[in-house]
Amino acid sequence: MKLIRPFAHAELNLMRVKSICLALLAGFVLFTVANRSWAEQPPLPLKAGIIGVDAHALAWTKIINDPNAQGELADMTVVAAYPGGSPDIPQSMELLKAQTEPVAKLGVELVDSIDELLKKVDVVMILSIDGRKHLEQVRPVFAAGKPVFIDKPIAGSLVDAIKIFRLAEQHHVPCFSSSSLRYSKQTANIRQDPRLGDVVGCDQYAPCALEPHHPDFFWYGIHGVEPLFTIMGSGCESVTRVHTAGADVAVGVWKDGRIGTFRGLRDGQRGYGSTVFGTKGIVPGGGFDGYEPLVVEIIRFFKTGKPPVSAEQTLEIFAFMEAADESKRNGGCPVTLESVMEKARQIADN
């Protein structure tokens, strides 16, 4: 028996080692599936495709395909584009006509379908000006497993925004959306300003043109609402809105009692900015620093598979804007974000 026991222990130890190895292998497989965009990242520069040449396509392609691009900007090239366009939005057709040929001259192949585009690219930017089209445009992108950035507005309704993020989760495909205003220096860095202290409130303003096919703030007001949330953080509970033909004011109350406002400008001088209230001081913020800061974040996202803006905050921003519309319909009564989210979830479930 003394001769057998060492072999028995050795066999037991071998079985334990095998079990540990199998567990590690299973964990690695699960990690790889959940992070396949990172695990299967193609070589640099990434080949990017654009869906929708009726908004930011020309300006962004000039930045990305610049032969003198440095740093992150050198790690991606726009190689193909599906023009798209929305005939019932005059601005879409005007931009499509003005930008399609110049985009092609930057070395971008124009294709006739999204399916054809997906065969040629590693990553996708949906830049269609019409948020109503984004859900259907992103479906084949998710099915193909391509990481995707969706320009503002992520959708033409809160319901569609919920559906988009659900699809991203189901397909394990990284996805995010953002306004370029989020990344202006005075917005992105203001919370670290030593003059400010802790943020106790913010009054944000931005142009707020309206478009009849989109909820009021979705079309352009988002360029003011998103910086508001960048500065204030998440946690808004209710919105009260005052509306006139020339302006809007939406007052948000955060769960800790802080107040953040968005003033949408239509009459008079228009611009971007904010007044940020802190425990130590009151500091001006906001502004627009061009598209490049956002483009850099998009390329970094494509390389890492890690969205810089969470789905949860994006949905909260869109719930804020939907609640503002509901408040307008109800004569300026306060509307909770949870009430509009619950209603949208129920519709999305059906």
Protein backbone atom coordinates (compact mmCIF):
# COMPACT_ATOMS: atom_id res chain seq x y z
CA MET A 1 0.00 0.00 0.00
CA LYS A 2 2.89 2.35 0.69
CA LEU A 3 3.98 1.89 -2.95
CA ILE A 4 0.51 2.72 -4.36
CA ARG A 5 -0.29 5.91 -2.39
CA PRO A 6 2.26 8.16 -4.12
CA PHE A 7 0.80 7.16 -7.50
CA ALA A 8 -2.73 7.81 -6.22
CA HIS A 9 -1.70 11.29 -5.06
CA ALA A 10 0.01 11.96 -8.39
CA GLU A 11 -3.12 10.93 -10.29
CA LEU A 12 -5.29 13.13 -8.06
CA ASN A 13 -2.95 16.10 -8.57
CA LEU A 14 -2.99 15.53 -12.33
CA MET A 15 -6.79 15.57 -12.31
CA ARG A 16 -6.77 18.82 -10.34
CA VAL A 17 -4.34 20.41 -12.81
CA LYS A 18 -6.55 19.31 -15.71
CA SER A 19 -9.63 20.80 -14.01
CA ILE A 20 -7.85 24.11 -13.43
CA CYS A 21 -6.64 24.21 -17.03
CA LEU A 22 -10.13 23.49 -18.36
CA ALA A 23 -11.60 26.21 -16.14
CA LEU A 24 -8.99 28.71 -17.34
CA LEU A 25 -9.62 27.73 -20.95
CA ALA A 26 -13.40 28.15 -20.51
CA GLY A 27 -12.89 31.53 -18.92
CA PHE A 28 -10.64 32.62 -21.78
CA VAL A 29 -13.20 31.52 -24.35
CA LEU A 30 -15.97 33.44 -22.59
CA PHE A 31 -13.75 36.51 -22.33
CA THR A 32 -12.88 36.26 -26.02
CA VAL A 33 -16.54 35.96 -27.06
CA ALA A 34 -17.59 38.88 -24.88
CA ASN A 35 -14.69 41.00 -26.19
CA ARG A 36 -14.38 39.72 -29.71
CA SER A 37 -13.83 43.18 -31.15
CA TRP A 38 -10.64 43.39 -29.09
CA ALA A 39 -9.60 39.76 -29.70
CA GLU A 40 -10.11 39.98 -33.47
CA GLN A 41 -8.83 43.50 -34.02
CA PRO A 42 -7.52 43.77 -37.59
CA PRO A 43 -4.14 45.36 -38.37
CA LEU A 44 -3.77 49.14 -38.42
CA PRO A 45 -4.77 51.36 -40.06
CA LEU A 46 -8.36 50.25 -39.58
CA LYS A 47 -10.56 50.36 -42.68
CA ALA A 48 -13.63 52.43 -41.84
CA GLY A 49 -16.95 52.65 -43.66
CA ILE A 50 -19.47 55.48 -43.50
CA ILE A 51 -23.23 55.05 -43.70
CA GLY A 52 -24.80 58.39 -44.61
CA VAL A 53 -23.00 61.15 -46.52
CA ASP A 54 -25.58 63.81 -45.60
CA ALA A 55 -24.07 65.25 -42.41
CA HIS A 56 -20.51 65.04 -41.05
CA ALA A 57 -19.06 62.65 -43.64
CA LEU A 58 -17.02 65.18 -45.60
CA ALA A 59 -15.59 67.07 -42.63
CA TRP A 60 -14.64 63.89 -40.77
CA THR A 61 -13.15 62.17 -43.82
CA LYS A 62 -10.93 65.20 -44.40
CA ILE A 63 -9.61 64.80 -40.85
CA ILE A 64 -9.18 61.02 -40.98
CA ASN A 65 -7.78 60.69 -44.52
CA ASP A 66 -5.38 63.60 -44.19
CA PRO A 67 -2.02 62.24 -45.46
CA ASN A 68 -0.29 64.18 -42.68
CA ALA A 69 -2.49 62.73 -39.91
CA GLN A 70 -0.60 61.96 -36.70
CA GLY A 71 -1.22 59.83 -33.59
CA GLU A 72 -4.62 58.15 -33.33
CA LEU A 73 -5.75 59.82 -36.55
CA ALA A 74 -3.15 57.83 -38.49
CA ASP A 75 -4.64 54.54 -37.25
CA MET A 76 -7.77 54.62 -39.42
CA THR A 77 -8.71 55.34 -43.04
CA VAL A 78 -12.17 55.84 -44.52
CA VAL A 79 -12.27 53.48 -47.51
CA ALA A 80 -15.97 53.16 -48.40
CA ALA A 81 -19.28 54.97 -47.97
CA TYR A 82 -22.96 54.27 -48.57
CA PRO A 83 -24.50 57.69 -49.39
CA GLY A 84 -28.03 57.13 -48.03
CA GLY A 85 -30.17 60.24 -47.64
CA SER A 86 -33.72 61.16 -46.53
CA PRO A 87 -35.92 62.69 -49.26
CA ASP A 88 -38.39 64.13 -46.70
CA ILE A 89 -35.66 66.20 -45.02
CA PRO A 90 -34.49 68.98 -47.39
CA GLN A 91 -31.22 69.51 -45.49
CA SER A 92 -30.34 65.83 -45.98
CA MET A 93 -30.75 66.02 -49.75
CA GLU A 94 -28.87 69.31 -50.01
CA LEU A 95 -25.88 67.95 -48.07
CA LEU A 96 -25.95 64.66 -49.95
CA LYS A 97 -25.75 66.50 -53.27
CA ALA A 98 -22.98 68.79 -52.06
CA GLN A 99 -20.81 66.17 -50.31
CA THR A 100 -20.98 62.89 -52.24
CA GLU A 101 -18.48 63.76 -54.98
CA PRO A 102 -16.01 65.54 -52.65
CA VAL A 103 -16.03 62.50 -50.32
CA ALA A 104 -15.24 60.22 -53.26
CA LYS A 105 -12.33 62.48 -54.24
CA LEU A 106 -10.78 61.80 -50.83
CA GLY A 107 -10.21 58.17 -51.84
CA VAL A 108 -13.53 56.78 -50.60
CA GLU A 109 -15.33 54.16 -52.68
CA LEU A 110 -19.07 54.82 -52.98
CA VAL A 111 -21.18 51.65 -52.72
CA ASP A 112 -24.83 50.86 -53.43
CA SER A 113 -25.77 49.05 -50.20
CA ILE A 114 -24.84 48.59 -46.57
CA ASP A 115 -24.19 44.89 -47.19
CA GLU A 116 -21.62 45.78 -49.86
CA LEU A 117 -20.02 48.30 -47.50
CA LEU A 118 -19.65 45.71 -44.73
CA LYS A 119 -17.57 43.45 -46.98
CA LYS A 120 -14.95 46.16 -47.38
CA VAL A 121 -14.47 47.56 -43.86
CA ASP A 122 -13.39 46.70 -40.32
CA VAL A 123 -15.43 49.33 -38.47
CA VAL A 124 -18.46 51.50 -39.23
CA MET A 125 -19.57 55.07 -38.56
CA ILE A 126 -23.28 55.75 -39.06
CA LEU A 127 -23.37 59.45 -39.88
CA SER A 128 -26.85 59.76 -41.40
CA ILE A 129 -28.43 63.05 -40.38
CA ASP A 130 -31.79 61.30 -39.93
CA GLY A 131 -32.00 59.53 -36.58
CA ARG A 132 -35.10 57.62 -37.69
CA LYS A 133 -32.95 55.50 -40.01
CA HIS A 134 -30.29 54.48 -37.52
CA LEU A 135 -32.00 51.40 -36.09
CA GLU A 136 -32.45 49.74 -39.48
CA GLN A 137 -29.01 50.88 -40.66
CA VAL A 138 -27.26 49.40 -37.63
CA ARG A 139 -28.97 45.99 -37.71
CA PRO A 140 -26.74 44.51 -40.43
CA VAL A 141 -23.68 46.11 -38.82
CA PHE A 142 -24.35 44.31 -35.54
CA ALA A 143 -25.08 41.06 -37.40
CA ALA A 144 -21.68 41.37 -39.12
CA GLY A 145 -19.94 41.93 -35.77
CA LYS A 146 -18.47 45.32 -36.75
CA PRO A 147 -17.86 47.88 -33.97
CA VAL A 148 -19.97 50.96 -34.70
CA PHE A 149 -20.19 54.63 -33.81
CA ILE A 150 -23.63 56.22 -34.32
CA ASP A 151 -23.67 59.98 -34.74
CA LYS A 152 -26.21 62.13 -32.95
CA PRO A 153 -29.05 61.56 -32.56
CA ILE A 154 -28.51 57.86 -31.94
CA ALA A 155 -32.16 57.35 -32.93
CA GLY A 156 -35.34 59.18 -33.85
CA SER A 157 -37.08 58.05 -30.67
CA LEU A 158 -36.26 56.86 -27.17
CA VAL A 159 -37.81 53.49 -28.08
CA ASP A 160 -35.40 53.02 -30.98
CA ALA A 161 -32.45 54.07 -28.82
CA ILE A 162 -33.34 51.33 -26.33
CA LYS A 163 -33.63 48.79 -29.16
CA ILE A 164 -30.22 49.75 -30.55
CA PHE A 165 -28.43 49.16 -27.26
CA ARG A 166 -30.30 45.90 -26.73
CA LEU A 167 -29.13 44.69 -30.14
CA ALA A 168 -25.56 45.72 -29.37
CA GLU A 169 -25.68 43.64 -26.19
CA GLN A 170 -27.26 40.65 -27.93
CA HIS A 171 -24.60 40.61 -30.64
CA HIS A 172 -21.72 41.44 -28.24
CA VAL A 173 -20.74 44.34 -30.52
CA PRO A 174 -19.32 47.55 -29.00
CA CYS A 175 -21.31 50.66 -29.85
CA PHE A 176 -21.53 54.27 -28.70
CA SER A 177 -22.92 57.66 -29.65
CA SER A 178 -21.86 61.18 -28.77
CA SER A 179 -22.11 64.82 -29.71
CA SER A 180 -18.80 66.49 -30.56
CA LEU A 181 -19.65 69.14 -27.94
CA ARG A 182 -18.97 66.60 -25.17
CA TYR A 183 -15.25 66.78 -25.97
CA SER A 184 -14.65 70.53 -26.01
CA LYS A 185 -11.90 71.27 -23.48
CA GLN A 186 -14.03 73.52 -21.30
CA THR A 187 -16.63 70.79 -21.03
CA ALA A 188 -14.49 67.66 -20.76
CA ASN A 189 -12.04 69.15 -18.24
CA ILE A 190 -14.09 71.63 -16.24
CA ARG A 191 -14.75 69.27 -13.32
CA GLN A 192 -10.99 69.31 -12.66
CA ASP A 193 -10.83 73.12 -12.61
CA PRO A 194 -9.45 74.06 -9.15
CA ARG A 195 -11.48 77.29 -9.19
CA LEU A 196 -14.73 75.32 -9.26
CA GLY A 197 -14.66 72.73 -6.49
CA ASP A 198 -17.55 70.26 -6.62
CA VAL A 199 -20.22 70.92 -9.25
CA VAL A 200 -23.51 72.04 -7.69
CA GLY A 201 -25.26 73.21 -10.86
CA CYS A 202 -24.92 74.13 -14.52
CA ASP A 203 -26.74 76.39 -16.99
CA GLN A 204 -25.95 75.19 -20.52
CA TYR A 205 -26.98 76.86 -23.77
CA ALA A 206 -26.81 75.88 -27.44
CA PRO A 207 -28.70 76.41 -30.71
CA CYS A 208 -31.92 74.42 -30.88
CA ALA A 209 -33.31 74.29 -34.41
CA LEU A 210 -36.38 72.07 -34.74
CA GLU A 211 -37.12 69.40 -37.38
CA PRO A 212 -40.67 68.06 -37.73
CA HIS A 213 -39.69 64.37 -38.00
CA HIS A 214 -37.71 64.32 -34.72
CA PRO A 215 -38.56 65.08 -31.07
CA ASP A 216 -37.67 68.73 -30.44
CA PHE A 217 -34.28 68.39 -28.73
CA PHE A 218 -33.14 65.26 -30.61
CA TRP A 219 -32.38 67.14 -33.83
CA TYR A 220 -29.99 69.84 -32.58
CA GLY A 221 -30.69 70.56 -28.93
CA ILE A 222 -28.70 67.45 -28.03
CA HIS A 223 -25.56 69.53 -28.64
CA GLY A 224 -26.50 71.39 -25.46
CA VAL A 225 -28.05 68.56 -23.45
CA GLU A 226 -25.04 66.26 -23.79
CA PRO A 227 -22.52 68.79 -22.41
CA LEU A 228 -24.96 69.43 -19.55
CA PHE A 229 -24.77 65.75 -18.58
CA THR A 230 -21.01 65.66 -19.15
CA ILE A 231 -20.63 68.41 -16.55
CA MET A 232 -23.39 67.39 -14.13
CA GLY A 233 -23.01 63.62 -14.44
CA SER A 234 -25.87 61.12 -14.43
CA GLY A 235 -28.72 61.08 -11.94
CA CYS A 236 -31.36 63.46 -13.33
CA GLU A 237 -34.82 62.57 -12.04
CA SER A 238 -37.26 65.07 -13.56
CA VAL A 239 -37.58 67.79 -16.20
CA THR A 240 -39.76 70.90 -16.46
CA ARG A 241 -39.84 72.77 -19.78
CA VAL A 242 -40.83 76.27 -20.84
CA HIS A 243 -41.30 76.68 -24.59
CA THR A 244 -41.77 79.66 -26.91
CA ALA A 245 -41.20 80.04 -30.64
CA GLY A 246 -37.79 81.58 -30.06
CA ALA A 247 -36.38 79.57 -27.16
CA ASP A 248 -36.70 76.66 -24.78
CA VAL A 249 -35.63 76.25 -21.18
CA ALA A 250 -35.56 72.74 -19.70
CA VAL A 251 -34.87 72.51 -15.96
CA GLY A 252 -33.57 69.19 -14.69
CA VAL A 253 -33.55 68.20 -11.03
CA TRP A 254 -30.89 65.67 -10.06
CA LYS A 255 -31.44 63.07 -7.33
CA ASP A 256 -29.05 64.89 -4.96
CA GLY A 257 -31.01 68.16 -5.32
CA ARG A 258 -28.71 69.81 -7.85
CA ILE A 259 -30.29 71.71 -10.74
CA GLY A 260 -29.07 71.72 -14.33
CA THR A 261 -30.70 73.72 -17.13
CA PHE A 262 -30.56 73.68 -20.90
CA ARG A 263 -31.48 76.83 -22.85
CA GLY A 264 -32.20 76.12 -26.51
CA LEU A 265 -31.61 79.15 -28.72
CA ARG A 266 -33.55 79.98 -31.87
CA ASP A 267 -33.94 83.78 -31.80
CA GLY A 268 -31.05 86.20 -31.43
CA GLN A 269 -27.37 85.41 -31.17
CA ARG A 270 -26.60 81.69 -31.00
CA GLY A 271 -23.59 79.86 -29.62
CA TYR A 272 -22.40 77.15 -27.26
CA GLY A 273 -21.43 77.58 -23.63
CA SER A 274 -22.31 77.19 -19.98
CA THR A 275 -22.09 78.69 -16.54
CA VAL A 276 -20.96 76.06 -14.05
CA PHE A 277 -21.64 76.56 -10.34
CA GLY A 278 -19.28 75.00 -7.82
CA THR A 279 -18.57 74.89 -4.12
CA LYS A 280 -15.55 77.19 -4.61
CA GLY A 281 -16.52 79.36 -7.55
CA ILE A 282 -18.56 80.01 -10.68
CA VAL A 283 -16.72 79.16 -13.89
CA PRO A 284 -17.62 79.63 -17.58
CA GLY A 285 -17.57 76.44 -19.62
CA GLY A 286 -18.63 74.87 -22.87
CA GLY A 287 -17.75 76.02 -26.36
CA PHE A 288 -16.99 74.10 -29.56
CA ASP A 289 -13.45 72.93 -30.37
CA GLY A 290 -14.18 71.32 -33.73
CA TYR A 291 -14.70 67.68 -34.66
CA GLU A 292 -11.20 66.31 -34.17
CA PRO A 293 -11.46 65.56 -30.41
CA LEU A 294 -14.51 63.35 -31.01
CA VAL A 295 -12.94 61.67 -34.06
CA VAL A 296 -9.91 60.77 -31.94
CA GLU A 297 -12.19 59.23 -29.31
CA ILE A 298 -13.99 57.23 -32.02
CA ILE A 299 -10.72 55.79 -33.35
CA ARG A 300 -9.57 54.96 -29.83
CA PHE A 301 -12.89 53.21 -29.25
CA PHE A 302 -12.50 51.16 -32.42
CA LYS A 303 -9.02 50.07 -31.31
CA THR A 304 -9.99 49.08 -27.77
CA GLY A 305 -13.66 48.08 -28.09
CA LYS A 306 -14.39 50.17 -24.97
CA PRO A 307 -17.15 52.79 -25.38
CA PRO A 308 -16.13 56.15 -23.81
CA VAL A 309 -19.80 56.99 -23.16
CA SER A 310 -21.97 54.35 -21.50
CA ALA A 311 -25.27 53.16 -22.91
CA GLU A 312 -26.86 54.08 -19.57
CA GLN A 313 -25.87 57.75 -19.79
CA THR A 314 -26.84 58.03 -23.45
CA LEU A 315 -30.28 56.64 -22.64
CA GLU A 316 -30.59 59.03 -19.70
CA ILE A 317 -29.81 61.95 -22.02
CA PHE A 318 -32.50 60.82 -24.44
CA ALA A 319 -34.94 60.25 -21.59
CA PHE A 320 -34.25 63.85 -20.47
CA MET A 321 -35.10 65.12 -23.94
CA GLU A 322 -38.20 62.93 -24.20
CA ALA A 323 -39.36 64.08 -20.74
CA ALA A 324 -38.87 67.68 -21.89
CA ASP A 325 -41.21 67.02 -24.82
CA GLU A 326 -43.74 65.41 -22.49
CA SER A 327 -43.53 68.43 -20.18
CA LYS A 328 -44.21 70.72 -23.14
CA ARG A 329 -47.26 68.62 -24.10
CA ASN A 330 -48.50 68.86 -20.50
CA GLY A 331 -48.21 72.64 -20.29
CA GLY A 332 -44.88 72.73 -18.45
CA CYS A 333 -45.60 70.20 -15.68
CA PRO A 334 -42.61 68.27 -14.26
CA VAL A 335 -42.08 64.85 -15.88
CA THR A 336 -39.87 62.13 -14.44
CA LEU A 337 -37.28 60.40 -16.58
CA GLU A 338 -38.32 57.03 -15.17
CA SER A 339 -41.89 57.51 -16.39
CA VAL A 340 -40.84 58.08 -20.00
CA MET A 341 -38.24 55.29 -19.78
CA GLU A 342 -40.82 52.82 -18.49
CA LYS A 343 -43.24 53.73 -21.26
CA ALA A 344 -40.50 53.38 -23.89
CA ARG A 345 -39.34 50.02 -22.48
CA GLN A 346 -42.88 48.64 -22.70
CA ILE A 347 -43.14 49.69 -26.34
CA ALA A 348 -39.67 48.29 -27.09
CA ASP A 349 -40.69 44.94 -25.53
CA ASN A 350 -43.59 44.52 -27.98
